[in-house]
Amino acid sequence: RLTMTMSILHRASGAALAVGTLMVVWMLLAAASGEAAFSQFVICVTSLPGQVLLFGWSLALFYHMCNGIRHLFWDTGRGYEIKTAFRSGCAVLIAAAILTTVVWCPLFFG
């Protein structure tokens, strides 16, 4: 079950990254458009919904990256055993949580 769920989450995180990239495009366009446009972007991103979206985007980024590394090992023919696949799945979830925490803790706690 874990492997199936993580496969679905990998696809979902890829879609979330694609949608989240629109926020990066918005930032670049706002920065190129002038101070007023960029100020509006900053107001939106620093709001609670903006922060939730950024947090979700960073979590999706780290999950997709870690699970992609796991898939690279699978591409070499390693890690298909049920016990190994379960452990590597747990490692991906833990690594994604740790990486997201490392990025967001300084933002919240200075």
C-alpha atoms as a PDB file:
ATOM      1  CA  ARG A   1       0.000   0.000   0.000  1.00  0.00           C
ATOM      2  CA  LEU A   2       2.742   2.477   0.855  1.00  0.00           C
ATOM      3  CA  THR A   3       4.389   2.076  -2.537  1.00  0.00           C
ATOM      4  CA  MET A   4       1.069   2.591  -4.327  1.00  0.00           C
ATOM      5  CA  THR A   5       0.243   5.659  -2.243  1.00  0.00           C
ATOM      6  CA  MET A   6       3.684   7.125  -2.806  1.00  0.00           C
ATOM      7  CA  SER A   7       3.373   6.567  -6.544  1.00  0.00           C
ATOM      8  CA  ILE A   8       0.120   8.529  -6.570  1.00  0.00           C
ATOM      9  CA  LEU A   9       1.671  11.243  -4.372  1.00  0.00           C
ATOM     10  CA  HIS A  10       4.658  11.445  -6.730  1.00  0.00           C
ATOM     11  CA  ARG A  11       2.340  12.258  -9.614  1.00  0.00           C
ATOM     12  CA  ALA A  12       0.314  14.676  -7.488  1.00  0.00           C
ATOM     13  CA  SER A  13       3.454  16.452  -6.274  1.00  0.00           C
ATOM     14  CA  GLY A  14       4.621  16.786  -9.882  1.00  0.00           C
ATOM     15  CA  ALA A  15       1.313  18.432 -10.767  1.00  0.00           C
ATOM     16  CA  ALA A  16       1.573  20.694  -7.697  1.00  0.00           C
ATOM     17  CA  LEU A  17       5.062  21.724  -8.764  1.00  0.00           C
ATOM     18  CA  ALA A  18       3.791  22.604 -12.226  1.00  0.00           C
ATOM     19  CA  VAL A  19       1.020  24.753 -10.759  1.00  0.00           C
ATOM     20  CA  GLY A  20       3.392  26.242  -8.170  1.00  0.00           C
ATOM     21  CA  THR A  21       5.730  27.288 -10.939  1.00  0.00           C
ATOM     22  CA  LEU A  22       3.042  29.755 -11.962  1.00  0.00           C
ATOM     23  CA  MET A  23       3.755  31.556  -8.694  1.00  0.00           C
ATOM     24  CA  VAL A  24       7.419  31.844  -9.684  1.00  0.00           C
ATOM     25  CA  VAL A  25       6.377  33.235 -13.073  1.00  0.00           C
ATOM     26  CA  TRP A  26       4.090  35.716 -11.309  1.00  0.00           C
ATOM     27  CA  MET A  27       6.998  36.827  -9.108  1.00  0.00           C
ATOM     28  CA  LEU A  28       9.278  37.347 -12.099  1.00  0.00           C
ATOM     29  CA  LEU A  29       6.616  39.271 -14.018  1.00  0.00           C
ATOM     30  CA  ALA A  30       5.847  41.400 -10.964  1.00  0.00           C
ATOM     31  CA  ALA A  31       9.533  42.153 -10.438  1.00  0.00           C
ATOM     32  CA  ALA A  32       9.887  43.148 -14.086  1.00  0.00           C
ATOM     33  CA  SER A  33       6.751  45.294 -13.967  1.00  0.00           C
ATOM     34  CA  GLY A  34       7.885  47.615 -11.220  1.00  0.00           C
ATOM     35  CA  GLU A  35       7.736  48.265  -7.517  1.00  0.00           C
ATOM     36  CA  ALA A  36       3.949  48.513  -7.243  1.00  0.00           C
ATOM     37  CA  ALA A  37       3.363  45.161  -8.934  1.00  0.00           C
ATOM     38  CA  PHE A  38       6.058  43.480  -6.857  1.00  0.00           C
ATOM     39  CA  SER A  39       4.631  44.974  -3.649  1.00  0.00           C
ATOM     40  CA  GLN A  40       1.257  43.447  -4.520  1.00  0.00           C
ATOM     41  CA  PHE A  41       2.950  40.081  -5.062  1.00  0.00           C
ATOM     42  CA  VAL A  42       4.695  40.328  -1.673  1.00  0.00           C
ATOM     43  CA  ILE A  43       1.397  41.157   0.045  1.00  0.00           C
ATOM     44  CA  CYS A  44      -0.232  38.071  -1.487  1.00  0.00           C
ATOM     45  CA  VAL A  45       2.671  35.741  -0.723  1.00  0.00           C
ATOM     46  CA  THR A  46       3.044  36.884   2.883  1.00  0.00           C
ATOM     47  CA  SER A  47      -0.668  36.409   3.603  1.00  0.00           C
ATOM     48  CA  LEU A  48      -1.791  33.216   5.335  1.00  0.00           C
ATOM     49  CA  PRO A  49      -3.112  31.580   2.133  1.00  0.00           C
ATOM     50  CA  GLY A  50       0.105  32.560   0.353  1.00  0.00           C
ATOM     51  CA  GLN A  51       2.225  31.050   3.102  1.00  0.00           C
ATOM     52  CA  VAL A  52       0.185  27.832   3.026  1.00  0.00           C
ATOM     53  CA  LEU A  53       0.664  27.609  -0.744  1.00  0.00           C
ATOM     54  CA  LEU A  54       4.407  28.203  -0.440  1.00  0.00           C
ATOM     55  CA  PHE A  55       4.695  25.624   2.319  1.00  0.00           C
ATOM     56  CA  GLY A  56       2.804  23.072   0.236  1.00  0.00           C
ATOM     57  CA  TRP A  57       4.916  23.878  -2.800  1.00  0.00           C
ATOM     58  CA  SER A  58       8.156  23.382  -0.859  1.00  0.00           C
ATOM     59  CA  LEU A  59       6.885  20.128   0.645  1.00  0.00           C
ATOM     60  CA  ALA A  60       5.915  18.906  -2.834  1.00  0.00           C
ATOM     61  CA  LEU A  61       9.347  19.928  -4.130  1.00  0.00           C
ATOM     62  CA  PHE A  62      11.260  18.008  -1.469  1.00  0.00           C
ATOM     63  CA  TYR A  63       8.962  14.976  -1.652  1.00  0.00           C
ATOM     64  CA  HIS A  64       9.231  14.826  -5.442  1.00  0.00           C
ATOM     65  CA  MET A  65      13.014  15.206  -5.286  1.00  0.00           C
ATOM     66  CA  CYS A  66      13.510  12.510  -2.640  1.00  0.00           C
ATOM     67  CA  ASN A  67      11.115  10.105  -4.320  1.00  0.00           C
ATOM     68  CA  GLY A  68      12.832  10.805  -7.650  1.00  0.00           C
ATOM     69  CA  ILE A  69      16.134   9.718  -6.109  1.00  0.00           C
ATOM     70  CA  ARG A  70      14.382   6.561  -4.928  1.00  0.00           C
ATOM     71  CA  HIS A  71      13.200   5.961  -8.500  1.00  0.00           C
ATOM     72  CA  LEU A  72      16.761   6.384  -9.746  1.00  0.00           C
ATOM     73  CA  PHE A  73      17.803   3.477  -7.536  1.00  0.00           C
ATOM     74  CA  TRP A  74      14.889   1.469  -8.868  1.00  0.00           C
ATOM     75  CA  ASP A  75      16.072   2.221 -12.401  1.00  0.00           C
ATOM     76  CA  THR A  76      19.295   0.387 -11.560  1.00  0.00           C
ATOM     77  CA  GLY A  77      17.297  -2.667 -10.486  1.00  0.00           C
ATOM     78  CA  ARG A  78      17.813  -2.194  -6.755  1.00  0.00           C
ATOM     79  CA  GLY A  79      15.275  -1.785  -3.974  1.00  0.00           C
ATOM     80  CA  TYR A  80      12.341  -3.753  -5.367  1.00  0.00           C
ATOM     81  CA  GLU A  81      12.125  -6.164  -2.451  1.00  0.00           C
ATOM     82  CA  ILE A  82       9.014  -5.473  -0.377  1.00  0.00           C
ATOM     83  CA  LYS A  83      10.938  -4.776   2.820  1.00  0.00           C
ATOM     84  CA  THR A  84      13.419  -2.488   1.050  1.00  0.00           C
ATOM     85  CA  ALA A  85      10.681  -0.665  -0.866  1.00  0.00           C
ATOM     86  CA  PHE A  86       8.805  -0.024   2.394  1.00  0.00           C
ATOM     87  CA  ARG A  87      11.923   1.237   4.167  1.00  0.00           C
ATOM     88  CA  SER A  88      12.937   3.495   1.294  1.00  0.00           C
ATOM     89  CA  GLY A  89       9.375   4.850   1.193  1.00  0.00           C
ATOM     90  CA  CYS A  90       9.545   5.708   4.884  1.00  0.00           C
ATOM     91  CA  ALA A  91      12.974   7.289   4.315  1.00  0.00           C
ATOM     92  CA  VAL A  92      11.528   9.478   1.540  1.00  0.00           C
ATOM     93  CA  LEU A  93       8.712  10.696   3.790  1.00  0.00           C
ATOM     94  CA  ILE A  94      11.093  11.432   6.657  1.00  0.00           C
ATOM     95  CA  ALA A  95      13.632  13.171   4.399  1.00  0.00           C
ATOM     96  CA  ALA A  96      10.947  15.347   2.797  1.00  0.00           C
ATOM     97  CA  ALA A  97       9.650  16.348   6.234  1.00  0.00           C
ATOM     98  CA  ILE A  98      13.151  17.144   7.511  1.00  0.00           C
ATOM     99  CA  LEU A  99      14.115  19.176   4.437  1.00  0.00           C
ATOM    100  CA  THR A 100      10.883  21.157   4.577  1.00  0.00           C
ATOM    101  CA  THR A 101      11.405  21.808   8.285  1.00  0.00           C
ATOM    102  CA  VAL A 102      15.010  22.931   7.713  1.00  0.00           C
ATOM    103  CA  VAL A 103      13.802  25.479   5.152  1.00  0.00           C
ATOM    104  CA  TRP A 104      10.788  26.770   7.100  1.00  0.00           C
ATOM    105  CA  CYS A 105      12.109  26.855  10.698  1.00  0.00           C
ATOM    106  CA  PRO A 106      14.386  29.871  10.092  1.00  0.00           C
ATOM    107  CA  LEU A 107      11.454  31.698   8.507  1.00  0.00           C
ATOM    108  CA  PHE A 108       9.285  31.183  11.576  1.00  0.00           C
ATOM    109  CA  PHE A 109      11.903  31.339  14.313  1.00  0.00           C
ATOM    110  CA  GLY A 110      14.417  33.730  12.761  1.00  0.00           C
END
